[in-house]
PDB file of all heavy atoms in Angstrom:
ATOM      1  N   ASN A   1      -6.663  14.450 -10.781  1.00  0.00           N
ATOM      2  CA  ASN A   1      -7.764  14.100  -9.985  1.00  0.00           C
ATOM      3  C   ASN A   1      -7.222  13.341  -8.647  1.00  0.00           C
ATOM      4  O   ASN A   1      -7.905  12.461  -8.163  1.00  0.00           O
ATOM      5  CB  ASN A   1      -8.718  13.244 -10.707  1.00  0.00           C
ATOM      6  CG  ASN A   1     -10.087  13.175  -9.963  1.00  0.00           C
ATOM      7  OD1 ASN A   1     -10.377  14.045  -9.154  1.00  0.00           O
ATOM      8  ND2 ASN A   1     -10.731  12.092 -10.172  1.00  0.00           N
ATOM      9  N   THR A   2      -6.151  13.781  -8.159  1.00  0.00           N
ATOM     10  CA  THR A   2      -5.491  13.028  -7.088  1.00  0.00           C
ATOM     11  C   THR A   2      -6.039  13.616  -5.736  1.00  0.00           C
ATOM     12  O   THR A   2      -6.049  14.934  -5.577  1.00  0.00           O
ATOM     13  CB  THR A   2      -3.909  13.193  -6.959  1.00  0.00           C
ATOM     14  OG1 THR A   2      -3.438  12.714  -8.176  1.00  0.00           O
ATOM     15  CG2 THR A   2      -3.366  12.501  -5.852  1.00  0.00           C
ATOM     16  N   GLN A   3      -6.551  12.812  -4.859  1.00  0.00           N
ATOM     17  CA  GLN A   3      -7.061  13.331  -3.586  1.00  0.00           C
ATOM     18  C   GLN A   3      -5.835  13.524  -2.668  1.00  0.00           C
ATOM     19  O   GLN A   3      -4.915  12.730  -2.566  1.00  0.00           O
ATOM     20  CB  GLN A   3      -7.994  12.228  -2.979  1.00  0.00           C
ATOM     21  CG  GLN A   3      -9.162  11.994  -3.844  1.00  0.00           C
ATOM     22  CD  GLN A   3     -10.255  12.994  -3.874  1.00  0.00           C
ATOM     23  OE1 GLN A   3     -10.478  13.625  -2.798  1.00  0.00           O
ATOM     24  NE2 GLN A   3     -10.616  13.400  -4.981  1.00  0.00           N
ATOM     25  N   LEU A   4      -5.924  14.718  -1.886  1.00  0.00           N
ATOM     26  CA  LEU A   4      -4.810  14.973  -1.021  1.00  0.00           C
ATOM     27  C   LEU A   4      -5.200  14.394   0.431  1.00  0.00           C
ATOM     28  O   LEU A   4      -6.365  14.418   0.771  1.00  0.00           O
ATOM     29  CB  LEU A   4      -4.552  16.418  -0.942  1.00  0.00           C
ATOM     30  CG  LEU A   4      -4.150  17.202  -2.276  1.00  0.00           C
ATOM     31  CD1 LEU A   4      -4.014  18.610  -2.049  1.00  0.00           C
ATOM     32  CD2 LEU A   4      -2.865  16.459  -2.757  1.00  0.00           C
ATOM     33  N   THR A   5      -4.112  13.971   1.137  1.00  0.00           N
ATOM     34  CA  THR A   5      -4.315  13.604   2.441  1.00  0.00           C
ATOM     35  C   THR A   5      -4.420  14.764   3.324  1.00  0.00           C
ATOM     36  O   THR A   5      -4.227  15.847   2.912  1.00  0.00           O
ATOM     37  CB  THR A   5      -3.186  12.663   2.926  1.00  0.00           C
ATOM     38  OG1 THR A   5      -1.984  13.442   2.869  1.00  0.00           O
ATOM     39  CG2 THR A   5      -2.981  11.404   2.082  1.00  0.00           C
ATOM     40  N   ASP A   6      -4.660  14.474   4.580  1.00  0.00           N
ATOM     41  CA  ASP A   6      -4.856  15.613   5.619  1.00  0.00           C
ATOM     42  C   ASP A   6      -3.715  16.603   5.632  1.00  0.00           C
ATOM     43  O   ASP A   6      -3.902  17.679   5.924  1.00  0.00           O
ATOM     44  CB  ASP A   6      -5.063  15.094   6.986  1.00  0.00           C
ATOM     45  CG  ASP A   6      -6.451  14.285   7.093  1.00  0.00           C
ATOM     46  OD1 ASP A   6      -7.326  14.559   6.130  1.00  0.00           O
ATOM     47  OD2 ASP A   6      -6.639  13.566   8.006  1.00  0.00           O
ATOM     48  N   ASP A   7      -2.479  16.016   5.412  1.00  0.00           N
ATOM     49  CA  ASP A   7      -1.353  16.947   5.472  1.00  0.00           C
ATOM     50  C   ASP A   7      -0.947  17.411   4.111  1.00  0.00           C
ATOM     51  O   ASP A   7       0.202  17.940   3.889  1.00  0.00           O
ATOM     52  CB  ASP A   7      -0.170  16.205   6.152  1.00  0.00           C
ATOM     53  CG  ASP A   7       0.318  14.956   5.404  1.00  0.00           C
ATOM     54  OD1 ASP A   7      -0.429  14.624   4.394  1.00  0.00           O
ATOM     55  OD2 ASP A   7       1.243  14.297   5.894  1.00  0.00           O
ATOM     56  N   ASN A   8      -1.834  17.335   3.124  1.00  0.00           N
ATOM     57  CA  ASN A   8      -1.693  17.859   1.711  1.00  0.00           C
ATOM     58  C   ASN A   8      -0.585  17.173   0.930  1.00  0.00           C
ATOM     59  O   ASN A   8      -0.021  17.717   0.066  1.00  0.00           O
ATOM     60  CB  ASN A   8      -1.335  19.374   1.800  1.00  0.00           C
ATOM     61  CG  ASN A   8      -2.639  20.147   2.136  1.00  0.00           C
ATOM     62  OD1 ASN A   8      -3.786  19.705   1.935  1.00  0.00           O
ATOM     63  ND2 ASN A   8      -2.477  21.411   2.723  1.00  0.00           N
ATOM     64  N   HIS A   9      -0.231  15.907   1.325  1.00  0.00           N
ATOM     65  CA  HIS A   9       0.707  15.085   0.554  1.00  0.00           C
ATOM     66  C   HIS A   9      -0.006  13.809   0.192  1.00  0.00           C
ATOM     67  O   HIS A   9      -0.255  13.042   1.171  1.00  0.00           O
ATOM     68  CB  HIS A   9       1.922  14.917   1.344  1.00  0.00           C
ATOM     69  CG  HIS A   9       2.748  16.189   1.554  1.00  0.00           C
ATOM     70  ND1 HIS A   9       3.429  16.793   0.577  1.00  0.00           N
ATOM     71  CD2 HIS A   9       2.832  16.932   2.694  1.00  0.00           C
ATOM     72  CE1 HIS A   9       4.026  17.929   1.066  1.00  0.00           C
ATOM     73  NE2 HIS A   9       3.689  17.901   2.273  1.00  0.00           N
ATOM     74  N   PRO A  10      -0.295  13.521  -1.032  1.00  0.00           N
ATOM     75  CA  PRO A  10      -0.873  12.163  -1.462  1.00  0.00           C
ATOM     76  C   PRO A  10       0.067  11.052  -0.889  1.00  0.00           C
ATOM     77  O   PRO A  10       1.285  11.107  -0.988  1.00  0.00           O
ATOM     78  CB  PRO A  10      -0.991  12.224  -2.964  1.00  0.00           C
ATOM     79  CG  PRO A  10      -0.790  13.612  -3.303  1.00  0.00           C
ATOM     80  CD  PRO A  10       0.110  14.287  -2.204  1.00  0.00           C
ATOM     81  N   TYR A  11      -0.539   9.982  -0.391  1.00  0.00           N
ATOM     82  CA  TYR A  11       0.179   8.792   0.061  1.00  0.00           C
ATOM     83  C   TYR A  11       0.572   7.924  -1.198  1.00  0.00           C
ATOM     84  O   TYR A  11      -0.254   7.850  -2.157  1.00  0.00           O
ATOM     85  CB  TYR A  11      -0.648   8.007   1.032  1.00  0.00           C
ATOM     86  CG  TYR A  11      -0.908   8.576   2.387  1.00  0.00           C
ATOM     87  CD1 TYR A  11      -1.986   8.245   3.087  1.00  0.00           C
ATOM     88  CD2 TYR A  11      -0.013   9.502   2.913  1.00  0.00           C
ATOM     89  CE1 TYR A  11      -2.262   8.851   4.258  1.00  0.00           C
ATOM     90  CE2 TYR A  11      -0.149  10.119   4.158  1.00  0.00           C
ATOM     91  CZ  TYR A  11      -1.347   9.754   4.834  1.00  0.00           C
ATOM     92  OH  TYR A  11      -1.578  10.368   6.118  1.00  0.00           O
ATOM     93  N   ASN A  12       1.823   7.428  -1.076  1.00  0.00           N
ATOM     94  CA  ASN A  12       2.118   6.394  -2.131  1.00  0.00           C
ATOM     95  C   ASN A  12       1.695   5.005  -1.604  1.00  0.00           C
ATOM     96  O   ASN A  12       1.371   4.876  -0.365  1.00  0.00           O
ATOM     97  CB  ASN A  12       3.651   6.308  -2.262  1.00  0.00           C
ATOM     98  CG  ASN A  12       4.279   7.764  -2.660  1.00  0.00           C
ATOM     99  OD1 ASN A  12       3.877   8.315  -3.673  1.00  0.00           O
ATOM    100  ND2 ASN A  12       5.083   8.306  -1.755  1.00  0.00           N
ATOM    101  N   VAL A  13       1.749   4.042  -2.461  1.00  0.00           N
ATOM    102  CA  VAL A  13       1.282   2.691  -2.035  1.00  0.00           C
ATOM    103  C   VAL A  13       2.496   1.785  -2.527  1.00  0.00           C
ATOM    104  O   VAL A  13       2.887   1.821  -3.682  1.00  0.00           O
ATOM    105  CB  VAL A  13       0.055   2.290  -2.663  1.00  0.00           C
ATOM    106  CG1 VAL A  13      -0.240   0.782  -2.402  1.00  0.00           C
ATOM    107  CG2 VAL A  13      -1.103   3.158  -2.058  1.00  0.00           C
ATOM    108  N   LEU A  14       2.885   0.898  -1.685  1.00  0.00           N
ATOM    109  CA  LEU A  14       3.818  -0.296  -2.019  1.00  0.00           C
ATOM    110  C   LEU A  14       3.034  -1.483  -1.673  1.00  0.00           C
ATOM    111  O   LEU A  14       2.741  -1.746  -0.573  1.00  0.00           O
ATOM    112  CB  LEU A  14       5.095  -0.164  -1.288  1.00  0.00           C
ATOM    113  CG  LEU A  14       6.084  -1.323  -1.490  1.00  0.00           C
ATOM    114  CD1 LEU A  14       6.529  -1.383  -2.896  1.00  0.00           C
ATOM    115  CD2 LEU A  14       7.319  -1.183  -0.583  1.00  0.00           C
ATOM    116  N   LEU A  15       2.698  -2.239  -2.778  1.00  0.00           N
ATOM    117  CA  LEU A  15       2.009  -3.536  -2.530  1.00  0.00           C
ATOM    118  C   LEU A  15       2.883  -4.695  -2.917  1.00  0.00           C
ATOM    119  O   LEU A  15       3.530  -4.771  -3.911  1.00  0.00           O
ATOM    120  CB  LEU A  15       0.807  -3.523  -3.595  1.00  0.00           C
ATOM    121  CG  LEU A  15      -0.208  -4.688  -3.593  1.00  0.00           C
ATOM    122  CD1 LEU A  15      -1.567  -4.200  -3.947  1.00  0.00           C
ATOM    123  CD2 LEU A  15       0.294  -5.802  -4.628  1.00  0.00           C
ATOM    124  N   ILE A  16       2.967  -5.592  -1.807  1.00  0.00           N
ATOM    125  CA  ILE A  16       3.884  -6.746  -1.975  1.00  0.00           C
ATOM    126  C   ILE A  16       3.071  -8.010  -1.803  1.00  0.00           C
ATOM    127  O   ILE A  16       2.413  -8.190  -0.854  1.00  0.00           O
ATOM    128  CB  ILE A  16       4.946  -6.739  -0.804  1.00  0.00           C
ATOM    129  CG1 ILE A  16       5.708  -5.351  -0.811  1.00  0.00           C
ATOM    130  CG2 ILE A  16       5.860  -7.839  -0.872  1.00  0.00           C
ATOM    131  CD1 ILE A  16       6.676  -5.160   0.358  1.00  0.00           C
ATOM    132  N   THR A  17       3.217  -8.830  -2.839  1.00  0.00           N
ATOM    133  CA  THR A  17       2.476 -10.151  -2.770  1.00  0.00           C
ATOM    134  C   THR A  17       3.497 -11.294  -2.882  1.00  0.00           C
ATOM    135  O   THR A  17       4.534 -11.141  -3.561  1.00  0.00           O
ATOM    136  CB  THR A  17       1.351 -10.241  -3.796  1.00  0.00           C
ATOM    137  OG1 THR A  17       0.603 -11.418  -3.701  1.00  0.00           O
ATOM    138  CG2 THR A  17       1.995 -10.179  -5.181  1.00  0.00           C
ATOM    139  N   VAL A  18       3.229 -12.329  -2.158  1.00  0.00           N
ATOM    140  CA  VAL A  18       4.076 -13.493  -2.090  1.00  0.00           C
ATOM    141  C   VAL A  18       3.251 -14.731  -2.604  1.00  0.00           C
ATOM    142  O   VAL A  18       2.173 -14.994  -2.139  1.00  0.00           O
ATOM    143  CB  VAL A  18       4.616 -13.740  -0.686  1.00  0.00           C
ATOM    144  CG1 VAL A  18       5.673 -14.834  -0.633  1.00  0.00           C
ATOM    145  CG2 VAL A  18       5.088 -12.496  -0.054  1.00  0.00           C
ATOM    146  N   ASP A  19       3.874 -15.450  -3.501  1.00  0.00           N
ATOM    147  CA  ASP A  19       3.156 -16.539  -4.211  1.00  0.00           C
ATOM    148  C   ASP A  19       3.202 -17.832  -3.322  1.00  0.00           C
ATOM    149  O   ASP A  19       4.253 -18.321  -2.852  1.00  0.00           O
ATOM    150  CB  ASP A  19       3.876 -16.805  -5.578  1.00  0.00           C
ATOM    151  CG  ASP A  19       2.878 -17.546  -6.483  1.00  0.00           C
ATOM    152  OD1 ASP A  19       1.841 -17.946  -6.071  1.00  0.00           O
ATOM    153  OD2 ASP A  19       3.211 -17.635  -7.726  1.00  0.00           O
ATOM    154  N   ASP A  20       2.001 -18.403  -3.049  1.00  0.00           N
ATOM    155  CA  ASP A  20       1.857 -19.652  -2.369  1.00  0.00           C
ATOM    156  C   ASP A  20       2.399 -19.667  -0.932  1.00  0.00           C
ATOM    157  O   ASP A  20       2.674 -20.698  -0.402  1.00  0.00           O
ATOM    158  CB  ASP A  20       2.691 -20.864  -3.164  1.00  0.00           C
ATOM    159  CG  ASP A  20       1.981 -21.267  -4.509  1.00  0.00           C
ATOM    160  OD1 ASP A  20       1.072 -20.501  -4.933  1.00  0.00           O
ATOM    161  OD2 ASP A  20       2.259 -22.362  -4.999  1.00  0.00           O
ATOM    162  N   LEU A  21       2.422 -18.500  -0.308  1.00  0.00           N
ATOM    163  CA  LEU A  21       2.757 -18.476   1.105  1.00  0.00           C
ATOM    164  C   LEU A  21       1.544 -18.758   1.963  1.00  0.00           C
ATOM    165  O   LEU A  21       0.589 -17.995   1.986  1.00  0.00           O
ATOM    166  CB  LEU A  21       3.424 -17.181   1.413  1.00  0.00           C
ATOM    167  CG  LEU A  21       3.673 -16.824   2.868  1.00  0.00           C
ATOM    168  CD1 LEU A  21       4.767 -17.703   3.411  1.00  0.00           C
ATOM    169  CD2 LEU A  21       4.097 -15.382   3.103  1.00  0.00           C
ATOM    170  N   ASN A  22       1.600 -19.814   2.643  1.00  0.00           N
ATOM    171  CA  ASN A  22       0.529 -20.095   3.661  1.00  0.00           C
ATOM    172  C   ASN A  22       0.726 -19.290   4.923  1.00  0.00           C
ATOM    173  O   ASN A  22       1.401 -18.160   4.930  1.00  0.00           O
ATOM    174  CB  ASN A  22       0.388 -21.539   3.927  1.00  0.00           C
ATOM    175  CG  ASN A  22       1.605 -22.234   4.526  1.00  0.00           C
ATOM    176  OD1 ASN A  22       2.475 -21.481   5.199  1.00  0.00           O
ATOM    177  ND2 ASN A  22       1.790 -23.529   4.367  1.00  0.00           N
ATOM    178  N   ASP A  23       0.204 -19.678   6.091  1.00  0.00           N
ATOM    179  CA  ASP A  23       0.334 -18.837   7.294  1.00  0.00           C
ATOM    180  C   ASP A  23       1.599 -19.250   8.070  1.00  0.00           C
ATOM    181  O   ASP A  23       1.721 -18.960   9.227  1.00  0.00           O
ATOM    182  CB  ASP A  23      -0.935 -18.981   8.220  1.00  0.00           C
ATOM    183  CG  ASP A  23      -1.275 -20.478   8.474  1.00  0.00           C
ATOM    184  OD1 ASP A  23      -0.361 -21.332   8.253  1.00  0.00           O
ATOM    185  OD2 ASP A  23      -2.345 -20.767   8.960  1.00  0.00           O
ATOM    186  N   TRP A  24       2.651 -19.731   7.404  1.00  0.00           N
ATOM    187  CA  TRP A  24       3.883 -20.075   8.056  1.00  0.00           C
ATOM    188  C   TRP A  24       4.774 -18.764   8.119  1.00  0.00           C
ATOM    189  O   TRP A  24       5.747 -18.741   7.523  1.00  0.00           O
ATOM    190  CB  TRP A  24       4.620 -21.225   7.291  1.00  0.00           C
ATOM    191  CG  TRP A  24       4.019 -22.546   7.579  1.00  0.00           C
ATOM    192  CD1 TRP A  24       2.759 -22.800   8.051  1.00  0.00           C
ATOM    193  CD2 TRP A  24       4.629 -23.767   7.105  1.00  0.00           C
ATOM    194  NE1 TRP A  24       2.597 -24.146   8.058  1.00  0.00           N
ATOM    195  CE2 TRP A  24       3.675 -24.785   7.560  1.00  0.00           C
ATOM    196  CE3 TRP A  24       5.794 -24.130   6.662  1.00  0.00           C
ATOM    197  CZ2 TRP A  24       3.871 -26.229   7.391  1.00  0.00           C
ATOM    198  CZ3 TRP A  24       6.041 -25.520   6.481  1.00  0.00           C
ATOM    199  CH2 TRP A  24       5.056 -26.540   6.828  1.00  0.00           C
ATOM    200  N   THR A  25       4.396 -17.925   8.930  1.00  0.00           N
ATOM    201  CA  THR A  25       5.151 -16.684   9.298  1.00  0.00           C
ATOM    202  C   THR A  25       5.315 -16.539  10.743  1.00  0.00           C
ATOM    203  O   THR A  25       4.383 -17.057  11.491  1.00  0.00           O
ATOM    204  CB  THR A  25       4.631 -15.384   8.623  1.00  0.00           C
ATOM    205  OG1 THR A  25       3.376 -15.070   9.386  1.00  0.00           O
ATOM    206  CG2 THR A  25       4.368 -15.578   7.152  1.00  0.00           C
TER     207      THR A  25
END
């Protein structure tokens, strides 16, 4: 039941979370 993107290739997802990081970037 995977939806295909416009170019017929499903996008992958890389989710990155950082612990206790305030806006000091």
